[in-house]
N, C-alpha and C. Protein backbone atom coordinates (compact mmCIF):
# COMPACT_ATOMS: atom_id res chain seq x y z
N MET A 1 10.85 2.80 12.82
CA MET A 1 11.53 3.23 11.62
C MET A 1 10.69 2.94 10.38
N GLY A 2 10.01 1.80 10.36
CA GLY A 2 9.17 1.46 9.23
C GLY A 2 8.04 2.45 9.01
N GLU A 3 7.48 2.96 10.11
CA GLU A 3 6.40 3.94 10.01
C GLU A 3 6.89 5.23 9.36
N ALA A 4 8.10 5.63 9.65
CA ALA A 4 8.66 6.84 9.04
C ALA A 4 8.73 6.69 7.52
N TYR A 5 9.18 5.53 7.07
CA TYR A 5 9.21 5.28 5.63
C TYR A 5 7.80 5.31 5.05
N SER A 6 6.88 4.67 5.75
CA SER A 6 5.51 4.59 5.28
C SER A 6 4.89 5.97 5.13
N ASN A 7 5.23 6.90 6.01
CA ASN A 7 4.68 8.25 5.96
C ASN A 7 5.20 9.06 4.79
N LEU A 8 6.25 8.63 4.15
CA LEU A 8 6.78 9.33 2.98
C LEU A 8 5.97 9.06 1.72
N GLU A 9 5.14 8.03 1.74
CA GLU A 9 4.42 7.61 0.54
C GLU A 9 3.51 8.70 -0.02
N LEU A 10 2.72 9.34 0.80
CA LEU A 10 1.74 10.31 0.32
C LEU A 10 2.39 11.48 -0.42
N PRO A 11 3.40 12.15 0.15
CA PRO A 11 4.01 13.25 -0.62
C PRO A 11 4.65 12.77 -1.93
N LEU A 12 5.22 11.59 -1.92
CA LEU A 12 5.81 11.06 -3.15
C LEU A 12 4.73 10.80 -4.20
N LYS A 13 3.62 10.22 -3.75
CA LYS A 13 2.53 9.92 -4.66
C LYS A 13 1.92 11.21 -5.21
N GLU A 14 1.73 12.19 -4.33
CA GLU A 14 1.11 13.46 -4.75
C GLU A 14 1.98 14.23 -5.74
N THR A 15 3.28 14.04 -5.68
CA THR A 15 4.18 14.75 -6.60
C THR A 15 4.54 13.91 -7.82
N GLY A 16 3.88 12.76 -7.99
CA GLY A 16 4.07 11.95 -9.18
C GLY A 16 5.26 11.01 -9.16
N HIS A 17 5.90 10.85 -8.01
CA HIS A 17 7.03 9.94 -7.88
C HIS A 17 6.54 8.56 -7.46
N LEU A 18 5.80 7.92 -8.35
CA LEU A 18 5.09 6.69 -8.02
C LEU A 18 6.03 5.52 -7.76
N ASP A 19 7.06 5.37 -8.57
CA ASP A 19 8.00 4.27 -8.35
C ASP A 19 8.73 4.44 -7.02
N SER A 20 9.02 5.68 -6.66
CA SER A 20 9.67 5.94 -5.37
C SER A 20 8.72 5.61 -4.22
N ALA A 21 7.43 5.90 -4.39
CA ALA A 21 6.44 5.59 -3.36
C ALA A 21 6.36 4.09 -3.14
N VAL A 22 6.41 3.32 -4.22
CA VAL A 22 6.38 1.86 -4.10
C VAL A 22 7.62 1.37 -3.36
N GLN A 23 8.79 1.91 -3.71
CA GLN A 23 10.04 1.50 -3.05
C GLN A 23 10.04 1.86 -1.57
N VAL A 24 9.49 3.01 -1.23
CA VAL A 24 9.41 3.43 0.16
C VAL A 24 8.63 2.40 0.97
N HIS A 25 7.53 1.92 0.41
CA HIS A 25 6.73 0.93 1.13
C HIS A 25 7.43 -0.42 1.22
N LYS A 26 8.18 -0.77 0.22
CA LYS A 26 8.96 -2.02 0.33
C LYS A 26 9.93 -1.89 1.49
N ASN A 27 10.59 -0.74 1.60
CA ASN A 27 11.52 -0.51 2.71
C ASN A 27 10.79 -0.54 4.05
N ALA A 28 9.62 0.07 4.11
CA ALA A 28 8.86 0.10 5.36
C ALA A 28 8.50 -1.31 5.82
N MET A 29 8.11 -2.15 4.87
CA MET A 29 7.72 -3.51 5.24
C MET A 29 8.92 -4.35 5.67
N GLU A 30 10.09 -4.03 5.14
CA GLU A 30 11.29 -4.74 5.56
C GLU A 30 11.72 -4.34 6.97
N LEU A 31 11.43 -3.09 7.33
CA LEU A 31 11.87 -2.57 8.63
C LEU A 31 10.88 -2.83 9.76
N SER A 32 9.66 -3.08 9.42
CA SER A 32 8.65 -3.28 10.47
C SER A 32 7.78 -4.47 10.13
N ARG A 33 7.03 -4.87 11.10
CA ARG A 33 6.05 -5.93 10.88
C ARG A 33 5.04 -5.44 9.84
N ALA A 34 4.73 -6.25 8.89
CA ALA A 34 3.79 -5.86 7.83
C ALA A 34 2.38 -5.88 8.38
N ASP A 35 1.98 -4.78 9.01
CA ASP A 35 0.63 -4.69 9.56
C ASP A 35 -0.36 -4.30 8.46
N GLY A 36 -1.62 -4.34 8.79
CA GLY A 36 -2.66 -4.05 7.80
C GLY A 36 -2.55 -2.66 7.20
N GLY A 37 -2.23 -1.67 8.02
CA GLY A 37 -2.11 -0.29 7.53
C GLY A 37 -0.95 -0.12 6.57
N THR A 38 0.19 -0.70 6.91
CA THR A 38 1.36 -0.61 6.04
C THR A 38 1.08 -1.32 4.72
N LEU A 39 0.43 -2.47 4.78
CA LEU A 39 0.10 -3.20 3.56
C LEU A 39 -0.91 -2.43 2.70
N THR A 40 -1.89 -1.82 3.34
CA THR A 40 -2.87 -1.03 2.59
C THR A 40 -2.20 0.15 1.90
N ASN A 41 -1.30 0.83 2.61
CA ASN A 41 -0.58 1.95 2.01
C ASN A 41 0.29 1.48 0.85
N TYR A 42 0.92 0.35 1.01
CA TYR A 42 1.74 -0.22 -0.06
C TYR A 42 0.87 -0.55 -1.27
N GLY A 43 -0.28 -1.14 -1.02
CA GLY A 43 -1.20 -1.44 -2.11
C GLY A 43 -1.66 -0.18 -2.84
N SER A 44 -1.88 0.88 -2.09
CA SER A 44 -2.28 2.16 -2.70
C SER A 44 -1.17 2.70 -3.59
N ALA A 45 0.07 2.58 -3.14
CA ALA A 45 1.20 3.02 -3.96
C ALA A 45 1.30 2.19 -5.23
N LEU A 46 1.11 0.89 -5.11
CA LEU A 46 1.13 0.02 -6.29
C LEU A 46 0.01 0.38 -7.26
N GLN A 47 -1.17 0.64 -6.72
CA GLN A 47 -2.32 1.00 -7.56
C GLN A 47 -2.05 2.31 -8.30
N ALA A 48 -1.50 3.28 -7.59
CA ALA A 48 -1.19 4.57 -8.22
C ALA A 48 -0.14 4.41 -9.32
N ALA A 49 0.74 3.43 -9.17
CA ALA A 49 1.79 3.17 -10.17
C ALA A 49 1.30 2.23 -11.27
N ALA A 50 -0.02 2.02 -11.34
CA ALA A 50 -0.64 1.17 -12.37
C ALA A 50 -0.17 -0.28 -12.29
N LYS A 51 0.09 -0.76 -11.07
CA LYS A 51 0.46 -2.16 -10.85
C LYS A 51 -0.72 -2.83 -10.15
N THR A 52 -1.83 -2.89 -10.88
CA THR A 52 -3.11 -3.29 -10.31
C THR A 52 -3.10 -4.70 -9.74
N GLU A 53 -2.56 -5.66 -10.46
CA GLU A 53 -2.56 -7.04 -9.97
C GLU A 53 -1.79 -7.16 -8.66
N SER A 54 -0.66 -6.50 -8.57
CA SER A 54 0.12 -6.51 -7.32
C SER A 54 -0.63 -5.79 -6.21
N ALA A 55 -1.31 -4.70 -6.57
CA ALA A 55 -2.10 -3.96 -5.58
C ALA A 55 -3.21 -4.83 -5.02
N ILE A 56 -3.91 -5.55 -5.88
CA ILE A 56 -5.00 -6.43 -5.43
C ILE A 56 -4.46 -7.48 -4.47
N ALA A 57 -3.36 -8.10 -4.82
CA ALA A 57 -2.77 -9.13 -3.94
C ALA A 57 -2.37 -8.52 -2.60
N THR A 58 -1.86 -7.30 -2.61
CA THR A 58 -1.44 -6.65 -1.38
C THR A 58 -2.64 -6.28 -0.52
N PHE A 59 -3.72 -5.77 -1.14
CA PHE A 59 -4.93 -5.46 -0.37
C PHE A 59 -5.52 -6.73 0.25
N GLU A 60 -5.48 -7.83 -0.50
CA GLU A 60 -5.98 -9.10 0.04
C GLU A 60 -5.13 -9.54 1.24
N ARG A 61 -3.83 -9.35 1.14
CA ARG A 61 -2.94 -9.68 2.26
C ARG A 61 -3.25 -8.78 3.46
N ALA A 62 -3.50 -7.51 3.20
CA ALA A 62 -3.85 -6.58 4.28
C ALA A 62 -5.11 -7.03 4.99
N LEU A 63 -6.09 -7.50 4.22
CA LEU A 63 -7.33 -7.99 4.83
C LEU A 63 -7.15 -9.30 5.57
N PHE A 64 -6.19 -10.10 5.16
CA PHE A 64 -5.88 -11.32 5.90
C PHE A 64 -5.31 -10.96 7.27
N VAL A 65 -4.46 -9.93 7.30
CA VAL A 65 -3.83 -9.49 8.55
C VAL A 65 -4.83 -8.75 9.43
N ASP A 66 -5.66 -7.89 8.81
CA ASP A 66 -6.64 -7.09 9.55
C ASP A 66 -7.95 -7.12 8.79
N HIS A 67 -8.77 -8.12 9.07
CA HIS A 67 -10.00 -8.33 8.30
C HIS A 67 -11.04 -7.23 8.50
N ASN A 68 -10.84 -6.35 9.47
CA ASN A 68 -11.77 -5.25 9.71
C ASN A 68 -11.35 -3.94 9.06
N SER A 69 -10.27 -3.94 8.31
CA SER A 69 -9.76 -2.71 7.71
C SER A 69 -10.68 -2.20 6.60
N MET A 70 -11.40 -1.13 6.90
CA MET A 70 -12.29 -0.55 5.91
C MET A 70 -11.50 0.04 4.75
N ALA A 71 -10.34 0.63 5.04
CA ALA A 71 -9.51 1.21 3.98
C ALA A 71 -9.08 0.13 2.99
N ALA A 72 -8.66 -1.02 3.50
CA ALA A 72 -8.23 -2.11 2.62
C ALA A 72 -9.41 -2.62 1.80
N LYS A 73 -10.59 -2.70 2.39
CA LYS A 73 -11.78 -3.16 1.67
C LYS A 73 -12.13 -2.21 0.54
N ILE A 74 -12.12 -0.92 0.84
CA ILE A 74 -12.46 0.09 -0.17
C ILE A 74 -11.43 0.10 -1.29
N ASP A 75 -10.15 0.07 -0.90
CA ASP A 75 -9.08 0.09 -1.91
C ASP A 75 -9.09 -1.16 -2.77
N LEU A 76 -9.39 -2.31 -2.17
CA LEU A 76 -9.50 -3.55 -2.94
C LEU A 76 -10.64 -3.45 -3.94
N ALA A 77 -11.79 -2.97 -3.49
CA ALA A 77 -12.93 -2.84 -4.40
C ALA A 77 -12.61 -1.89 -5.55
N THR A 78 -11.95 -0.81 -5.25
CA THR A 78 -11.56 0.15 -6.29
C THR A 78 -10.61 -0.49 -7.29
N ALA A 79 -9.62 -1.23 -6.79
CA ALA A 79 -8.65 -1.89 -7.67
C ALA A 79 -9.34 -2.93 -8.55
N LEU A 80 -10.28 -3.66 -7.99
CA LEU A 80 -11.00 -4.68 -8.76
C LEU A 80 -11.84 -4.08 -9.87
N MET A 81 -12.26 -2.82 -9.70
CA MET A 81 -13.07 -2.17 -10.72
C MET A 81 -12.21 -1.62 -11.87
N ASP A 82 -10.91 -1.50 -11.65
CA ASP A 82 -10.02 -1.00 -12.73
C ASP A 82 -9.83 -2.03 -13.81
């Protein structure tokens, strides 16, 4: 069920519903184990919503869970450059 919520993030983000995208990821993390992919997607939603500090913390958490996640590494580097 958490994955279904997580998959809603991209269309919401693409249509400018950034706060909804963030909420969708909060719901996804409550429904499923917070794996590296879910955390990275949540961080991306936070970054798109201009919540950079929260995004950075979330990407760092994603890397703690999955230290090999290239997506989390790239997204963290991008957030740090903002």
